[in-house]
Amino acid sequence: APVKDLLGPLRERAGFRRRFPGSAAYNP
């Protein structure tokens, strides 16, 4: 869990946020 939490911000900063319906990062 800590490793996943660490990678999350990096992915968001790099522009890899998932935008699929149902995902936490999806913003219609």
PDB file of all heavy atoms in Angstrom:
ATOM      1  N   ALA A   1       0.824  -1.214   0.000  1.00  0.00           N
ATOM      2  CA  ALA A   1       0.000   0.000   0.000  1.00  0.00           C
ATOM      3  C   ALA A   1       0.851   1.253   0.000  1.00  0.00           C
ATOM      4  O   ALA A   1       0.630   2.169  -0.780  1.00  0.00           O
ATOM      5  CB  ALA A   1      -0.954  -0.015   1.195  1.00  0.00           C
ATOM      6  N   PRO A   2       1.867   1.352   0.822  1.00  0.00           N
ATOM      7  CA  PRO A   2       2.713   2.550   0.791  1.00  0.00           C
ATOM      8  C   PRO A   2       3.378   2.772  -0.558  1.00  0.00           C
ATOM      9  O   PRO A   2       3.485   3.899  -1.025  1.00  0.00           O
ATOM     10  CB  PRO A   2       3.747   2.278   1.891  1.00  0.00           C
ATOM     11  CG  PRO A   2       3.059   1.360   2.814  1.00  0.00           C
ATOM     12  CD  PRO A   2       2.205   0.488   1.966  1.00  0.00           C
ATOM     13  N   VAL A   3       3.850   1.703  -1.221  1.00  0.00           N
ATOM     14  CA  VAL A   3       4.459   1.858  -2.549  1.00  0.00           C
ATOM     15  C   VAL A   3       3.448   2.397  -3.538  1.00  0.00           C
ATOM     16  O   VAL A   3       3.730   3.276  -4.343  1.00  0.00           O
ATOM     17  CB  VAL A   3       5.042   0.516  -3.025  1.00  0.00           C
ATOM     18  CG1 VAL A   3       5.474   0.617  -4.481  1.00  0.00           C
ATOM     19  CG2 VAL A   3       6.211   0.118  -2.153  1.00  0.00           C
ATOM     20  N   LYS A   4       2.202   1.866  -3.502  1.00  0.00           N
ATOM     21  CA  LYS A   4       1.154   2.327  -4.411  1.00  0.00           C
ATOM     22  C   LYS A   4       0.840   3.796  -4.169  1.00  0.00           C
ATOM     23  O   LYS A   4       0.632   4.575  -5.094  1.00  0.00           O
ATOM     24  CB  LYS A   4      -0.077   1.467  -4.225  1.00  0.00           C
ATOM     25  CG  LYS A   4      -1.199   1.818  -5.174  1.00  0.00           C
ATOM     26  CD  LYS A   4      -2.369   0.874  -4.979  1.00  0.00           C
ATOM     27  CE  LYS A   4      -3.486   1.229  -5.962  1.00  0.00           C
ATOM     28  NZ  LYS A   4      -4.654   0.329  -5.809  1.00  0.00           N
ATOM     29  N   ASP A   5       0.805   4.141  -2.868  1.00  0.00           N
ATOM     30  CA  ASP A   5       0.516   5.534  -2.544  1.00  0.00           C
ATOM     31  C   ASP A   5       1.621   6.463  -3.033  1.00  0.00           C
ATOM     32  O   ASP A   5       1.378   7.606  -3.419  1.00  0.00           O
ATOM     33  CB  ASP A   5       0.359   5.695  -1.028  1.00  0.00           C
ATOM     34  CG  ASP A   5      -0.916   5.019  -0.536  1.00  0.00           C
ATOM     35  OD1 ASP A   5      -1.793   4.815  -1.393  1.00  0.00           O
ATOM     36  OD2 ASP A   5      -1.002   4.719   0.674  1.00  0.00           O
ATOM     37  N   LEU A   6       2.831   5.984  -3.018  1.00  0.00           N
ATOM     38  CA  LEU A   6       3.935   6.804  -3.498  1.00  0.00           C
ATOM     39  C   LEU A   6       3.909   6.989  -5.008  1.00  0.00           C
ATOM     40  O   LEU A   6       4.261   8.040  -5.541  1.00  0.00           O
ATOM     41  CB  LEU A   6       5.278   6.178  -3.078  1.00  0.00           C
ATOM     42  CG  LEU A   6       5.612   6.247  -1.588  1.00  0.00           C
ATOM     43  CD1 LEU A   6       6.865   5.439  -1.304  1.00  0.00           C
ATOM     44  CD2 LEU A   6       5.790   7.703  -1.160  1.00  0.00           C
ATOM     45  N   LEU A   7       3.516   5.952  -5.729  1.00  0.00           N
ATOM     46  CA  LEU A   7       3.479   6.024  -7.205  1.00  0.00           C
ATOM     47  C   LEU A   7       2.310   6.848  -7.720  1.00  0.00           C
ATOM     48  O   LEU A   7       2.361   7.421  -8.808  1.00  0.00           O
ATOM     49  CB  LEU A   7       3.400   4.603  -7.792  1.00  0.00           C
ATOM     50  CG  LEU A   7       4.642   3.735  -7.616  1.00  0.00           C
ATOM     51  CD1 LEU A   7       4.400   2.347  -8.195  1.00  0.00           C
ATOM     52  CD2 LEU A   7       5.850   4.391  -8.275  1.00  0.00           C
ATOM     53  N   GLY A   8       1.222   6.896  -6.913  1.00  0.00           N
ATOM     54  CA  GLY A   8       0.037   7.632  -7.377  1.00  0.00           C
ATOM     55  C   GLY A   8       0.319   9.080  -7.735  1.00  0.00           C
ATOM     56  O   GLY A   8       0.041   9.535  -8.855  1.00  0.00           O
ATOM     57  N   PRO A   9       0.882   9.855  -6.843  1.00  0.00           N
ATOM     58  CA  PRO A   9       1.188  11.264  -7.163  1.00  0.00           C
ATOM     59  C   PRO A   9       2.130  11.415  -8.346  1.00  0.00           C
ATOM     60  O   PRO A   9       2.031  12.355  -9.131  1.00  0.00           O
ATOM     61  CB  PRO A   9       1.821  11.792  -5.875  1.00  0.00           C
ATOM     62  CG  PRO A   9       1.304  10.883  -4.811  1.00  0.00           C
ATOM     63  CD  PRO A   9       1.184   9.530  -5.436  1.00  0.00           C
ATOM     64  N   LEU A  10       3.070  10.473  -8.469  1.00  0.00           N
ATOM     65  CA  LEU A  10       3.991  10.554  -9.595  1.00  0.00           C
ATOM     66  C   LEU A  10       3.261  10.378 -10.920  1.00  0.00           C
ATOM     67  O   LEU A  10       3.545  11.048 -11.909  1.00  0.00           O
ATOM     68  CB  LEU A  10       5.091   9.486  -9.449  1.00  0.00           C
ATOM     69  CG  LEU A  10       6.048   9.689  -8.273  1.00  0.00           C
ATOM     70  CD1 LEU A  10       7.023   8.519  -8.193  1.00  0.00           C
ATOM     71  CD2 LEU A  10       6.798  11.004  -8.423  1.00  0.00           C
ATOM     72  N   ARG A  11       2.329   9.399 -10.914  1.00  0.00           N
ATOM     73  CA  ARG A  11       1.558   9.187 -12.142  1.00  0.00           C
ATOM     74  C   ARG A  11       0.699  10.401 -12.487  1.00  0.00           C
ATOM     75  O   ARG A  11       0.584  10.795 -13.641  1.00  0.00           O
ATOM     76  CB  ARG A  11       0.679   7.955 -11.974  1.00  0.00           C
ATOM     77  CG  ARG A  11       1.437   6.632 -12.001  1.00  0.00           C
ATOM     78  CD  ARG A  11       0.520   5.485 -11.680  1.00  0.00           C
ATOM     79  NE  ARG A  11       1.220   4.216 -11.764  1.00  0.00           N
ATOM     80  CZ  ARG A  11       0.698   3.052 -11.412  1.00  0.00           C
ATOM     81  NH1 ARG A  11      -0.532   3.032 -10.891  1.00  0.00           N
ATOM     82  NH2 ARG A  11       1.392   1.937 -11.529  1.00  0.00           N
ATOM     83  N   GLU A  12       0.086  10.970 -11.451  1.00  0.00           N
ATOM     84  CA  GLU A  12      -0.748  12.142 -11.714  1.00  0.00           C
ATOM     85  C   GLU A  12       0.097  13.296 -12.233  1.00  0.00           C
ATOM     86  O   GLU A  12      -0.293  14.010 -13.154  1.00  0.00           O
ATOM     87  CB  GLU A  12      -1.460  12.548 -10.422  1.00  0.00           C
ATOM     88  CG  GLU A  12      -2.540  11.563  -9.998  1.00  0.00           C
ATOM     89  CD  GLU A  12      -3.249  12.009  -8.734  1.00  0.00           C
ATOM     90  OE1 GLU A  12      -2.905  13.128  -8.253  1.00  0.00           O
ATOM     91  OE2 GLU A  12      -4.101  11.281  -8.254  1.00  0.00           O
ATOM     92  N   ARG A  13       1.271  13.482 -11.655  1.00  0.00           N
ATOM     93  CA  ARG A  13       2.144  14.575 -12.097  1.00  0.00           C
ATOM     94  C   ARG A  13       2.634  14.356 -13.525  1.00  0.00           C
ATOM     95  O   ARG A  13       2.830  15.284 -14.278  1.00  0.00           O
ATOM     96  CB  ARG A  13       3.339  14.694 -11.163  1.00  0.00           C
ATOM     97  CG  ARG A  13       4.225  15.910 -11.437  1.00  0.00           C
ATOM     98  CD  ARG A  13       5.273  16.060 -10.384  1.00  0.00           C
ATOM     99  NE  ARG A  13       4.654  16.284  -9.057  1.00  0.00           N
ATOM    100  CZ  ARG A  13       5.355  16.419  -7.937  1.00  0.00           C
ATOM    101  NH1 ARG A  13       6.690  16.340  -7.968  1.00  0.00           N
ATOM    102  NH2 ARG A  13       4.749  16.628  -6.779  1.00  0.00           N
ATOM    103  N   ALA A  14       2.834  13.096 -13.892  1.00  0.00           N
ATOM    104  CA  ALA A  14       3.316  12.788 -15.244  1.00  0.00           C
ATOM    105  C   ALA A  14       2.193  12.757 -16.264  1.00  0.00           C
ATOM    106  O   ALA A  14       2.445  12.532 -17.443  1.00  0.00           O
ATOM    107  CB  ALA A  14       4.035  11.437 -15.238  1.00  0.00           C
ATOM    108  N   GLY A  15       0.966  12.946 -15.820  1.00  0.00           N
ATOM    109  CA  GLY A  15      -0.140  12.990 -16.765  1.00  0.00           C
ATOM    110  C   GLY A  15      -0.732  11.659 -17.083  1.00  0.00           C
ATOM    111  O   GLY A  15      -1.393  11.492 -18.105  1.00  0.00           O
ATOM    112  N   PHE A  16      -0.531  10.668 -16.172  1.00  0.00           N
ATOM    113  CA  PHE A  16      -1.063   9.335 -16.442  1.00  0.00           C
ATOM    114  C   PHE A  16      -2.310   9.041 -15.623  1.00  0.00           C
ATOM    115  O   PHE A  16      -2.624   7.899 -15.346  1.00  0.00           O
ATOM    116  CB  PHE A  16       0.013   8.259 -16.114  1.00  0.00           C
ATOM    117  CG  PHE A  16       1.155   8.303 -17.051  1.00  0.00           C
ATOM    118  CD1 PHE A  16       2.357   8.864 -16.649  1.00  0.00           C
ATOM    119  CD2 PHE A  16       1.028   7.786 -18.331  1.00  0.00           C
ATOM    120  CE1 PHE A  16       3.431   8.896 -17.519  1.00  0.00           C
ATOM    121  CE2 PHE A  16       2.095   7.810 -19.186  1.00  0.00           C
ATOM    122  CZ  PHE A  16       3.303   8.377 -18.793  1.00  0.00           C
ATOM    123  N   ARG A  17      -3.027  10.052 -15.205  1.00  0.00           N
ATOM    124  CA  ARG A  17      -4.240   9.797 -14.432  1.00  0.00           C
ATOM    125  C   ARG A  17      -5.258   9.087 -15.290  1.00  0.00           C
ATOM    126  O   ARG A  17      -5.469   9.449 -16.440  1.00  0.00           O
ATOM    127  CB  ARG A  17      -4.823  11.121 -13.928  1.00  0.00           C
ATOM    128  CG  ARG A  17      -3.902  11.833 -12.949  1.00  0.00           C
ATOM    129  CD  ARG A  17      -4.624  12.888 -12.152  1.00  0.00           C
ATOM    130  NE  ARG A  17      -5.574  13.624 -12.993  1.00  0.00           N
ATOM    131  CZ  ARG A  17      -6.388  14.549 -12.509  1.00  0.00           C
ATOM    132  NH1 ARG A  17      -6.376  14.820 -11.226  1.00  0.00           N
ATOM    133  NH2 ARG A  17      -7.206  15.182 -13.300  1.00  0.00           N
ATOM    134  N   ARG A  18      -5.867   8.125 -14.711  1.00  0.00           N
ATOM    135  CA  ARG A  18      -6.890   7.367 -15.447  1.00  0.00           C
ATOM    136  C   ARG A  18      -8.167   8.187 -15.473  1.00  0.00           C
ATOM    137  O   ARG A  18      -8.585   8.764 -14.480  1.00  0.00           O
ATOM    138  CB  ARG A  18      -7.128   6.014 -14.770  1.00  0.00           C
ATOM    139  CG  ARG A  18      -5.899   5.124 -14.723  1.00  0.00           C
ATOM    140  CD  ARG A  18      -6.212   3.835 -14.002  1.00  0.00           C
ATOM    141  NE  ARG A  18      -7.213   3.088 -14.726  1.00  0.00           N
ATOM    142  CZ  ARG A  18      -7.844   2.020 -14.220  1.00  0.00           C
ATOM    143  NH1 ARG A  18      -7.601   1.647 -12.991  1.00  0.00           N
ATOM    144  NH2 ARG A  18      -8.723   1.375 -14.967  1.00  0.00           N
ATOM    145  N   ARG A  19      -8.755   8.209 -16.629  1.00  0.00           N
ATOM    146  CA  ARG A  19      -9.979   8.987 -16.775  1.00  0.00           C
ATOM    147  C   ARG A  19     -11.135   8.098 -17.222  1.00  0.00           C
ATOM    148  O   ARG A  19     -11.978   8.490 -18.018  1.00  0.00           O
ATOM    149  CB  ARG A  19      -9.758  10.101 -17.801  1.00  0.00           C
ATOM    150  CG  ARG A  19      -8.696  11.109 -17.373  1.00  0.00           C
ATOM    151  CD  ARG A  19      -8.626  12.262 -18.343  1.00  0.00           C
ATOM    152  NE  ARG A  19      -7.659  13.258 -17.895  1.00  0.00           N
ATOM    153  CZ  ARG A  19      -6.391  13.255 -18.208  1.00  0.00           C
ATOM    154  NH1 ARG A  19      -5.917  12.287 -18.945  1.00  0.00           N
ATOM    155  NH2 ARG A  19      -5.586  14.200 -17.767  1.00  0.00           N
ATOM    156  N   PHE A  20     -11.078   6.894 -16.789  1.00  0.00           N
ATOM    157  CA  PHE A  20     -12.148   5.966 -17.147  1.00  0.00           C
ATOM    158  C   PHE A  20     -13.300   6.121 -16.167  1.00  0.00           C
ATOM    159  O   PHE A  20     -13.084   6.341 -14.974  1.00  0.00           O
ATOM    160  CB  PHE A  20     -11.633   4.518 -17.128  1.00  0.00           C
ATOM    161  CG  PHE A  20     -10.490   4.301 -18.057  1.00  0.00           C
ATOM    162  CD1 PHE A  20      -9.204   4.116 -17.554  1.00  0.00           C
ATOM    163  CD2 PHE A  20     -10.688   4.304 -19.429  1.00  0.00           C
ATOM    164  CE1 PHE A  20      -8.152   3.932 -18.403  1.00  0.00           C
ATOM    165  CE2 PHE A  20      -9.629   4.109 -20.272  1.00  0.00           C
ATOM    166  CZ  PHE A  20      -8.354   3.926 -19.776  1.00  0.00           C
ATOM    167  N   PRO A  21     -14.534   6.020 -16.647  1.00  0.00           N
ATOM    168  CA  PRO A  21     -15.672   6.089 -15.733  1.00  0.00           C
ATOM    169  C   PRO A  21     -15.525   5.059 -14.633  1.00  0.00           C
ATOM    170  O   PRO A  21     -15.157   3.906 -14.874  1.00  0.00           O
ATOM    171  CB  PRO A  21     -16.850   5.768 -16.649  1.00  0.00           C
ATOM    172  CG  PRO A  21     -16.386   6.182 -18.001  1.00  0.00           C
ATOM    173  CD  PRO A  21     -14.929   5.868 -18.029  1.00  0.00           C
ATOM    174  N   GLY A  22     -15.815   5.465 -13.436  1.00  0.00           N
ATOM    175  CA  GLY A  22     -15.706   4.568 -12.285  1.00  0.00           C
ATOM    176  C   GLY A  22     -14.392   4.672 -11.572  1.00  0.00           C
ATOM    177  O   GLY A  22     -14.251   4.188 -10.450  1.00  0.00           O
ATOM    178  N   SER A  23     -13.358   5.271 -12.188  1.00  0.00           N
ATOM    179  CA  SER A  23     -12.066   5.410 -11.528  1.00  0.00           C
ATOM    180  C   SER A  23     -12.095   6.628 -10.624  1.00  0.00           C
ATOM    181  O   SER A  23     -12.861   7.565 -10.837  1.00  0.00           O
ATOM    182  CB  SER A  23     -10.937   5.535 -12.546  1.00  0.00           C
ATOM    183  OG  SER A  23     -11.077   6.737 -13.260  1.00  0.00           O
ATOM    184  N   ALA A  24     -11.238   6.652  -9.681  1.00  0.00           N
ATOM    185  CA  ALA A  24     -11.231   7.755  -8.722  1.00  0.00           C
ATOM    186  C   ALA A  24     -10.805   9.065  -9.360  1.00  0.00           C
ATOM    187  O   ALA A  24     -11.207  10.137  -8.930  1.00  0.00           O
ATOM    188  CB  ALA A  24     -10.287   7.394  -7.563  1.00  0.00           C
ATOM    189  N   ALA A  25      -9.934   8.990 -10.435  1.00  0.00           N
ATOM    190  CA  ALA A  25      -9.406  10.198 -11.079  1.00  0.00           C
ATOM    191  C   ALA A  25     -10.299  10.711 -12.204  1.00  0.00           C
ATOM    192  O   ALA A  25      -9.995  11.706 -12.834  1.00  0.00           O
ATOM    193  CB  ALA A  25      -8.000   9.916 -11.618  1.00  0.00           C
ATOM    194  N   TYR A  26     -11.367  10.038 -12.556  1.00  0.00           N
ATOM    195  CA  TYR A  26     -12.228  10.427 -13.689  1.00  0.00           C
ATOM    196  C   TYR A  26     -12.971  11.710 -13.367  1.00  0.00           C
ATOM    197  O   TYR A  26     -13.611  11.833 -12.320  1.00  0.00           O
ATOM    198  CB  TYR A  26     -13.204   9.309 -14.006  1.00  0.00           C
ATOM    199  CG  TYR A  26     -14.129   9.658 -15.150  1.00  0.00           C
ATOM    200  CD1 TYR A  26     -13.637   9.744 -16.441  1.00  0.00           C
ATOM    201  CD2 TYR A  26     -15.485   9.899 -14.907  1.00  0.00           C
ATOM    202  CE1 TYR A  26     -14.486  10.065 -17.489  1.00  0.00           C
ATOM    203  CE2 TYR A  26     -16.331  10.210 -15.953  1.00  0.00           C
ATOM    204  CZ  TYR A  26     -15.827  10.296 -17.243  1.00  0.00           C
ATOM    205  OH  TYR A  26     -16.657  10.611 -18.276  1.00  0.00           O
ATOM    206  N   ASN A  27     -12.857  12.695 -14.313  1.00  0.00           N
ATOM    207  CA  ASN A  27     -13.537  13.986 -14.153  1.00  0.00           C
ATOM    208  C   ASN A  27     -14.287  14.290 -15.434  1.00  0.00           C
ATOM    209  O   ASN A  27     -13.689  14.732 -16.415  1.00  0.00           O
ATOM    210  CB  ASN A  27     -12.516  15.087 -13.861  1.00  0.00           C
ATOM    211  CG  ASN A  27     -13.183  16.409 -13.498  1.00  0.00           C
ATOM    212  OD1 ASN A  27     -14.300  16.682 -13.895  1.00  0.00           O
ATOM    213  ND2 ASN A  27     -12.453  17.225 -12.734  1.00  0.00           N
ATOM    214  N   PRO A  28     -15.586  14.046 -15.494  1.00  0.00           N
ATOM    215  CA  PRO A  28     -16.331  14.253 -16.751  1.00  0.00           C
ATOM    216  C   PRO A  28     -16.319  15.693 -17.227  1.00  0.00           C
ATOM    217  O   PRO A  28     -16.294  15.972 -18.417  1.00  0.00           O
ATOM    218  CB  PRO A  28     -17.745  13.790 -16.380  1.00  0.00           C
ATOM    219  CG  PRO A  28     -17.814  13.862 -14.885  1.00  0.00           C
ATOM    220  CD  PRO A  28     -16.428  13.566 -14.398  1.00  0.00           C
TER     221      PRO A  28
END
